[in-house]
Each structure stands twice: as C-alpha cells, then as structure tokens.
Amino acid sequence: MFRIHLVNALRFLVRNKLFSLVNILGLALGLAAGIYILMFILNEFSFDRFNRNLEDIYRVSWRFDQSGVSEESSITTAAVGPSMMEEFPEVKGMTRFVAAAPGNLDHDGKFLVRRIRSGRSCGWIMRTAL
C-alpha cells in the first residue's frame, strides 16, 4: 500500500514539475523560517540563565514623560551606578555595559568576535543582597 502511494506521488512530481517545485520550495522556506524563529525565541528565554545569582540581578531603566507621552529607556547617566551603591545598602555590586565601537575583538591572536556592532546602549546592572 505504501509503495503504491509513493509511486503515485513520484508520478505527480514528475508530471507537474513547476507546481511541485513551488510547493517544495514553499515548504522548505516555511520550515526554515519556523526553525529560525524557534531558535531565536529559545535564545531569548535562555539569556543570562547561566548565572547562579539570577534572581538578584536587575537592570536599571528610567521612565520619563514628555508632552504627555510616557517612555522608558535603559540608557542612564554615569552617576546612577555609584549613587545607587551609596544610597541603597541592598546593592552589593554593579557593572556598566556600553556597546563597543566597530572593530575586531581578539585575545592572544585568536579572534573572538570578528565584527562588533556599534550602538548607543549604556546602562547599569545591579546585584542586590535580597
């Protein structure tokens, strides 16, 4: 029974070449896009899960109102981190991250990153004692 269905499918593919090509390419593109989206989502959900202090890590952002429109941004000034360390005893540590300029990143002659994208992201990550 399976052999009969396989022979019929192959005959159809041979007789209708353009139709079969369009359908096979559409299936391949759809599967590739679905797998790519799934990999992107899995990467986003696994981001920073390796850190054992995950529950104690926070990203500082600020909200501002301008002409009645409320916006939120993670770009902060340089004084935010040190002042939070002084004013809040719960903050155990901090780090600042800034997008690097375009270029190559290497260590001992081995390229770690071939090209670094430039950006304007600048913010603080805090670790609390809670």
N, C-alpha and C. Protein backbone atom coordinates (compact mmCIF):
# COMPACT_ATOMS: atom_id res chain seq x y z
N MET A 1 0.82 -1.19 0.00
CA MET A 1 0.00 0.00 0.00
C MET A 1 0.87 1.26 0.00
N PHE A 2 1.90 1.25 0.82
CA PHE A 2 2.80 2.41 0.88
C PHE A 2 3.51 2.60 -0.45
N ARG A 3 3.90 1.50 -1.08
CA ARG A 3 4.61 1.57 -2.36
C ARG A 3 3.73 2.21 -3.43
N ILE A 4 2.46 1.92 -3.43
CA ILE A 4 1.53 2.49 -4.41
C ILE A 4 1.43 4.00 -4.22
N HIS A 5 1.32 4.44 -2.97
CA HIS A 5 1.24 5.87 -2.69
C HIS A 5 2.54 6.58 -3.07
N LEU A 6 3.66 5.95 -2.83
CA LEU A 6 4.95 6.54 -3.18
C LEU A 6 5.09 6.67 -4.70
N VAL A 7 4.70 5.66 -5.43
CA VAL A 7 4.78 5.69 -6.90
C VAL A 7 3.86 6.79 -7.44
N ASN A 8 2.65 6.90 -6.89
CA ASN A 8 1.73 7.94 -7.34
C ASN A 8 2.28 9.34 -7.05
N ALA A 9 2.88 9.52 -5.90
CA ALA A 9 3.45 10.82 -5.55
C ALA A 9 4.61 11.17 -6.48
N LEU A 10 5.47 10.21 -6.79
CA LEU A 10 6.58 10.47 -7.70
C LEU A 10 6.09 10.77 -9.11
N ARG A 11 5.06 10.10 -9.56
CA ARG A 11 4.48 10.39 -10.88
C ARG A 11 3.93 11.81 -10.91
N PHE A 12 3.25 12.20 -9.86
CA PHE A 12 2.69 13.55 -9.80
C PHE A 12 3.80 14.60 -9.83
N LEU A 13 4.89 14.34 -9.08
CA LEU A 13 6.01 15.27 -9.06
C LEU A 13 6.65 15.42 -10.44
N VAL A 14 6.77 14.30 -11.17
CA VAL A 14 7.39 14.34 -12.49
C VAL A 14 6.48 15.05 -13.49
N ARG A 15 5.18 14.82 -13.43
CA ARG A 15 4.26 15.43 -14.39
C ARG A 15 4.08 16.92 -14.16
N ASN A 16 4.05 17.35 -12.93
CA ASN A 16 3.79 18.75 -12.58
C ASN A 16 5.04 19.35 -11.95
N LYS A 17 6.06 19.57 -12.74
CA LYS A 17 7.36 19.99 -12.22
C LYS A 17 7.33 21.37 -11.59
N LEU A 18 6.73 22.34 -12.25
CA LEU A 18 6.70 23.71 -11.72
C LEU A 18 5.87 23.77 -10.44
N PHE A 19 4.70 23.14 -10.47
CA PHE A 19 3.84 23.12 -9.28
C PHE A 19 4.55 22.44 -8.11
N SER A 20 5.23 21.35 -8.39
CA SER A 20 5.96 20.62 -7.34
C SER A 20 7.12 21.45 -6.81
N LEU A 21 7.84 22.13 -7.71
CA LEU A 21 8.97 22.96 -7.29
C LEU A 21 8.50 24.09 -6.37
N VAL A 22 7.42 24.75 -6.73
CA VAL A 22 6.88 25.84 -5.91
C VAL A 22 6.45 25.31 -4.55
N ASN A 23 5.79 24.19 -4.52
CA ASN A 23 5.33 23.62 -3.24
C ASN A 23 6.50 23.18 -2.37
N ILE A 24 7.50 22.55 -2.96
CA ILE A 24 8.66 22.07 -2.18
C ILE A 24 9.47 23.26 -1.65
N LEU A 25 9.67 24.28 -2.49
CA LEU A 25 10.38 25.48 -2.03
C LEU A 25 9.61 26.21 -0.93
N GLY A 26 8.30 26.28 -1.08
CA GLY A 26 7.48 26.91 -0.04
C GLY A 26 7.56 26.15 1.28
N LEU A 27 7.53 24.84 1.19
CA LEU A 27 7.65 24.03 2.41
C LEU A 27 9.01 24.21 3.05
N ALA A 28 10.06 24.22 2.23
CA ALA A 28 11.42 24.38 2.76
C ALA A 28 11.59 25.75 3.41
N LEU A 29 11.11 26.81 2.75
CA LEU A 29 11.22 28.15 3.33
C LEU A 29 10.39 28.28 4.60
N GLY A 30 9.21 27.70 4.62
CA GLY A 30 8.38 27.75 5.81
C GLY A 30 9.02 27.02 6.99
N LEU A 31 9.57 25.86 6.73
CA LEU A 31 10.26 25.11 7.79
C LEU A 31 11.49 25.86 8.29
N ALA A 32 12.26 26.43 7.35
CA ALA A 32 13.46 27.18 7.75
C ALA A 32 13.08 28.40 8.59
N ALA A 33 12.05 29.13 8.19
CA ALA A 33 11.62 30.30 8.95
C ALA A 33 11.11 29.88 10.33
N GLY A 34 10.35 28.81 10.40
CA GLY A 34 9.85 28.33 11.68
C GLY A 34 10.96 27.91 12.62
N ILE A 35 11.95 27.21 12.10
CA ILE A 35 13.08 26.79 12.92
C ILE A 35 13.89 27.99 13.39
N TYR A 36 14.07 28.97 12.49
CA TYR A 36 14.81 30.18 12.86
C TYR A 36 14.08 30.94 13.97
N ILE A 37 12.78 31.10 13.84
CA ILE A 37 12.01 31.79 14.87
C ILE A 37 12.07 31.03 16.19
N LEU A 38 11.96 29.72 16.15
CA LEU A 38 12.05 28.90 17.37
C LEU A 38 13.41 29.04 18.03
N MET A 39 14.49 29.03 17.23
CA MET A 39 15.82 29.19 17.80
C MET A 39 16.00 30.58 18.42
N PHE A 40 15.45 31.61 17.79
CA PHE A 40 15.52 32.96 18.34
C PHE A 40 14.78 33.04 19.67
N ILE A 41 13.60 32.47 19.74
CA ILE A 41 12.81 32.50 20.98
C ILE A 41 13.52 31.73 22.09
N LEU A 42 14.06 30.56 21.78
CA LEU A 42 14.78 29.79 22.79
C LEU A 42 16.01 30.54 23.29
N ASN A 43 16.70 31.24 22.40
CA ASN A 43 17.86 32.03 22.81
C ASN A 43 17.44 33.18 23.72
N GLU A 44 16.34 33.84 23.40
CA GLU A 44 15.88 34.95 24.23
C GLU A 44 15.48 34.48 25.62
N PHE A 45 14.84 33.32 25.73
CA PHE A 45 14.43 32.82 27.03
C PHE A 45 15.58 32.24 27.84
N SER A 46 16.67 31.86 27.19
CA SER A 46 17.80 31.29 27.92
C SER A 46 18.85 32.33 28.26
N PHE A 47 18.65 33.56 27.87
CA PHE A 47 19.63 34.62 28.08
C PHE A 47 19.86 34.84 29.57
N ASP A 48 21.09 34.83 30.01
CA ASP A 48 21.51 35.05 31.40
C ASP A 48 21.02 33.99 32.38
N ARG A 49 20.55 32.87 31.93
CA ARG A 49 20.09 31.81 32.84
C ARG A 49 21.27 31.06 33.47
N PHE A 50 22.48 31.26 32.96
CA PHE A 50 23.64 30.55 33.47
C PHE A 50 24.10 31.09 34.81
N ASN A 51 23.74 32.31 35.15
CA ASN A 51 24.23 32.96 36.36
C ASN A 51 23.51 32.41 37.58
N ARG A 52 24.27 32.00 38.59
CA ARG A 52 23.65 31.41 39.79
C ARG A 52 22.93 32.45 40.63
N ASN A 53 23.21 33.74 40.44
CA ASN A 53 22.53 34.81 41.17
C ASN A 53 21.49 35.50 40.30
N LEU A 54 20.82 34.75 39.47
CA LEU A 54 19.89 35.32 38.50
C LEU A 54 18.77 36.11 39.18
N GLU A 55 18.29 35.65 40.31
CA GLU A 55 17.19 36.33 40.99
C GLU A 55 17.63 37.66 41.60
N ASP A 56 18.93 37.87 41.78
CA ASP A 56 19.44 39.09 42.41
C ASP A 56 19.96 40.12 41.41
N ILE A 57 19.82 39.87 40.12
CA ILE A 57 20.36 40.77 39.11
C ILE A 57 19.22 41.59 38.51
N TYR A 58 19.42 42.90 38.48
CA TYR A 58 18.41 43.82 37.96
C TYR A 58 19.05 44.76 36.95
N ARG A 59 18.27 45.16 35.97
CA ARG A 59 18.72 46.16 35.01
C ARG A 59 18.00 47.47 35.32
N VAL A 60 18.77 48.52 35.43
CA VAL A 60 18.22 49.82 35.79
C VAL A 60 17.71 50.51 34.51
N SER A 61 16.49 50.99 34.59
CA SER A 61 15.93 51.77 33.50
C SER A 61 15.19 52.95 34.10
N TRP A 62 14.85 53.90 33.29
CA TRP A 62 14.13 55.06 33.80
C TRP A 62 13.00 55.42 32.86
N ARG A 63 11.95 55.97 33.45
CA ARG A 63 10.76 56.35 32.72
C ARG A 63 10.63 57.87 32.75
N PHE A 64 10.30 58.45 31.63
CA PHE A 64 10.15 59.90 31.56
C PHE A 64 8.91 60.25 30.75
N ASP A 65 8.31 61.37 31.13
CA ASP A 65 7.13 61.87 30.44
C ASP A 65 7.51 63.11 29.66
N GLN A 66 7.14 63.11 28.40
CA GLN A 66 7.43 64.26 27.56
C GLN A 66 6.19 64.55 26.72
N SER A 67 5.62 65.69 26.94
CA SER A 67 4.41 66.13 26.23
C SER A 67 3.28 65.12 26.39
N GLY A 68 3.15 64.57 27.59
CA GLY A 68 2.08 63.63 27.88
C GLY A 68 2.33 62.21 27.40
N VAL A 69 3.47 61.96 26.79
CA VAL A 69 3.82 60.62 26.31
C VAL A 69 4.86 60.04 27.25
N SER A 70 4.54 58.87 27.81
CA SER A 70 5.46 58.21 28.73
C SER A 70 6.34 57.22 27.97
N GLU A 71 7.65 57.31 28.17
CA GLU A 71 8.59 56.41 27.52
C GLU A 71 9.54 55.83 28.56
N GLU A 72 10.09 54.67 28.25
CA GLU A 72 11.04 54.00 29.14
C GLU A 72 12.32 53.73 28.37
N SER A 73 13.46 53.90 29.05
CA SER A 73 14.75 53.71 28.40
C SER A 73 15.72 53.06 29.39
N SER A 74 16.65 52.29 28.86
CA SER A 74 17.69 51.70 29.70
C SER A 74 18.97 52.51 29.65
N ILE A 75 18.97 53.60 28.90
CA ILE A 75 20.15 54.46 28.82
C ILE A 75 20.12 55.40 30.02
N THR A 76 21.16 55.34 30.84
CA THR A 76 21.23 56.15 32.06
C THR A 76 22.54 56.93 32.07
N THR A 77 22.63 57.84 33.03
CA THR A 77 23.85 58.62 33.15
C THR A 77 24.91 57.83 33.92
N ALA A 78 26.13 58.32 33.88
CA ALA A 78 27.24 57.61 34.52
C ALA A 78 27.15 57.63 36.04
N ALA A 79 26.43 58.56 36.62
CA ALA A 79 26.36 58.69 38.08
C ALA A 79 25.35 57.76 38.72
N VAL A 80 24.52 57.10 37.94
CA VAL A 80 23.45 56.26 38.51
C VAL A 80 24.03 55.11 39.33
N GLY A 81 24.98 54.39 38.80
CA GLY A 81 25.53 53.22 39.50
C GLY A 81 26.19 53.56 40.81
N PRO A 82 27.16 54.47 40.83
CA PRO A 82 27.80 54.81 42.10
C PRO A 82 26.84 55.40 43.12
N SER A 83 25.89 56.22 42.68
CA SER A 83 24.95 56.81 43.65
C SER A 83 24.01 55.75 44.22
N MET A 84 23.63 54.75 43.44
CA MET A 84 22.80 53.67 43.98
C MET A 84 23.58 52.82 44.97
N MET A 85 24.87 52.63 44.71
CA MET A 85 25.70 51.90 45.68
C MET A 85 25.77 52.64 47.01
N GLU A 86 25.82 53.96 46.97
CA GLU A 86 25.90 54.76 48.20
C GLU A 86 24.58 54.83 48.93
N GLU A 87 23.49 55.00 48.19
CA GLU A 87 22.19 55.27 48.81
C GLU A 87 21.42 54.02 49.20
N PHE A 88 21.66 52.90 48.56
CA PHE A 88 20.92 51.68 48.85
C PHE A 88 21.88 50.61 49.35
N PRO A 89 21.81 50.23 50.63
CA PRO A 89 22.72 49.22 51.16
C PRO A 89 22.45 47.82 50.58
N GLU A 90 21.28 47.61 49.99
CA GLU A 90 20.97 46.31 49.40
C GLU A 90 21.79 46.02 48.16
N VAL A 91 22.29 47.05 47.50
CA VAL A 91 23.06 46.87 46.28
C VAL A 91 24.47 46.42 46.64
N LYS A 92 24.80 45.18 46.25
CA LYS A 92 26.12 44.63 46.57
C LYS A 92 27.16 44.93 45.51
N GLY A 93 26.74 45.04 44.28
CA GLY A 93 27.69 45.28 43.21
C GLY A 93 26.99 45.86 42.00
N MET A 94 27.79 46.34 41.08
CA MET A 94 27.23 46.91 39.87
C MET A 94 28.23 46.76 38.74
N THR A 95 27.72 46.87 37.55
CA THR A 95 28.57 46.90 36.38
C THR A 95 27.90 47.74 35.32
N ARG A 96 28.68 48.34 34.49
CA ARG A 96 28.16 49.18 33.43
C ARG A 96 28.46 48.49 32.11
N PHE A 97 27.52 48.55 31.19
CA PHE A 97 27.78 47.99 29.87
C PHE A 97 27.52 49.05 28.82
N VAL A 98 28.44 49.08 27.88
CA VAL A 98 28.39 50.05 26.79
C VAL A 98 28.68 49.29 25.51
N ALA A 99 27.95 49.60 24.47
CA ALA A 99 28.23 48.97 23.18
C ALA A 99 29.57 49.46 22.67
N ALA A 100 30.38 48.55 22.22
CA ALA A 100 31.72 48.90 21.75
C ALA A 100 31.68 49.50 20.35
N ALA A 101 32.76 50.14 20.01
CA ALA A 101 32.88 50.70 18.67
C ALA A 101 33.08 49.57 17.67
N PRO A 102 32.80 49.81 16.40
CA PRO A 102 33.00 48.75 15.41
C PRO A 102 34.46 48.31 15.35
N GLY A 103 34.68 47.03 15.21
CA GLY A 103 36.04 46.53 15.12
C GLY A 103 36.10 45.05 15.42
N ASN A 104 37.30 44.54 15.63
CA ASN A 104 37.51 43.13 15.94
C ASN A 104 37.93 42.99 17.38
N LEU A 105 37.51 41.91 18.01
CA LEU A 105 37.88 41.61 19.38
C LEU A 105 38.73 40.34 19.35
N ASP A 106 39.98 40.43 19.83
CA ASP A 106 40.82 39.25 19.82
C ASP A 106 41.55 39.12 21.14
N HIS A 107 41.97 37.90 21.44
CA HIS A 107 42.71 37.59 22.65
C HIS A 107 43.82 36.63 22.28
N ASP A 108 45.06 37.00 22.54
CA ASP A 108 46.24 36.19 22.21
C ASP A 108 46.27 35.79 20.73
N GLY A 109 45.88 36.72 19.88
CA GLY A 109 45.93 36.45 18.45
C GLY A 109 44.77 35.65 17.91
N LYS A 110 43.84 35.21 18.76
CA LYS A 110 42.67 34.46 18.30
C LYS A 110 41.47 35.42 18.27
N PHE A 111 40.77 35.45 17.17
CA PHE A 111 39.60 36.31 17.04
C PHE A 111 38.44 35.71 17.83
N LEU A 112 37.91 36.48 18.76
CA LEU A 112 36.73 36.07 19.50
C LEU A 112 35.48 36.55 18.78
N VAL A 113 35.51 37.79 18.34
CA VAL A 113 34.40 38.36 17.60
C VAL A 113 34.98 39.05 16.38
N ARG A 114 34.50 38.72 15.23
CA ARG A 114 35.04 39.31 14.00
C ARG A 114 34.59 40.74 13.82
N ARG A 115 33.40 41.05 14.21
CA ARG A 115 32.89 42.39 14.00
C ARG A 115 31.98 42.76 15.15
N ILE A 116 32.21 43.90 15.74
CA ILE A 116 31.39 44.38 16.84
C ILE A 116 30.53 45.51 16.33
N ARG A 117 29.25 45.43 16.57
CA ARG A 117 28.36 46.49 16.12
C ARG A 117 28.38 47.65 17.11
N SER A 118 28.22 48.80 16.58
CA SER A 118 28.18 50.00 17.40
C SER A 118 26.74 50.29 17.79
N GLY A 119 26.57 50.87 18.96
CA GLY A 119 25.23 51.23 19.40
C GLY A 119 25.30 52.29 20.47
N ARG A 120 24.13 52.72 20.92
CA ARG A 120 24.10 53.76 21.93
C ARG A 120 23.62 53.22 23.28
N SER A 121 23.55 51.92 23.43
CA SER A 121 23.06 51.34 24.66
C SER A 121 24.09 51.52 25.78
N CYS A 122 23.65 52.04 26.86
CA CYS A 122 24.51 52.26 28.01
C CYS A 122 23.65 52.09 29.23
N GLY A 123 24.03 51.28 30.16
CA GLY A 123 23.20 51.07 31.33
C GLY A 123 23.96 50.44 32.46
N TRP A 124 23.25 50.16 33.53
CA TRP A 124 23.83 49.58 34.74
C TRP A 124 23.12 48.30 35.07
N ILE A 125 23.87 47.34 35.57
CA ILE A 125 23.31 46.10 36.09
C ILE A 125 23.66 46.04 37.58
N MET A 126 22.66 45.85 38.40
CA MET A 126 22.87 45.84 39.85
C MET A 126 22.68 44.44 40.40
N ARG A 127 23.43 44.12 41.45
CA ARG A 127 23.25 42.87 42.17
C ARG A 127 22.91 43.23 43.60
N THR A 128 21.78 42.75 44.07
CA THR A 128 21.32 43.12 45.42
C THR A 128 21.58 42.00 46.40
N ALA A 129 21.44 42.34 47.66
CA ALA A 129 21.67 41.38 48.74
C ALA A 129 20.38 40.67 49.16
N LEU A 130 19.27 41.00 48.55
CA LEU A 130 17.99 40.43 48.97
C LEU A 130 17.87 38.98 48.70
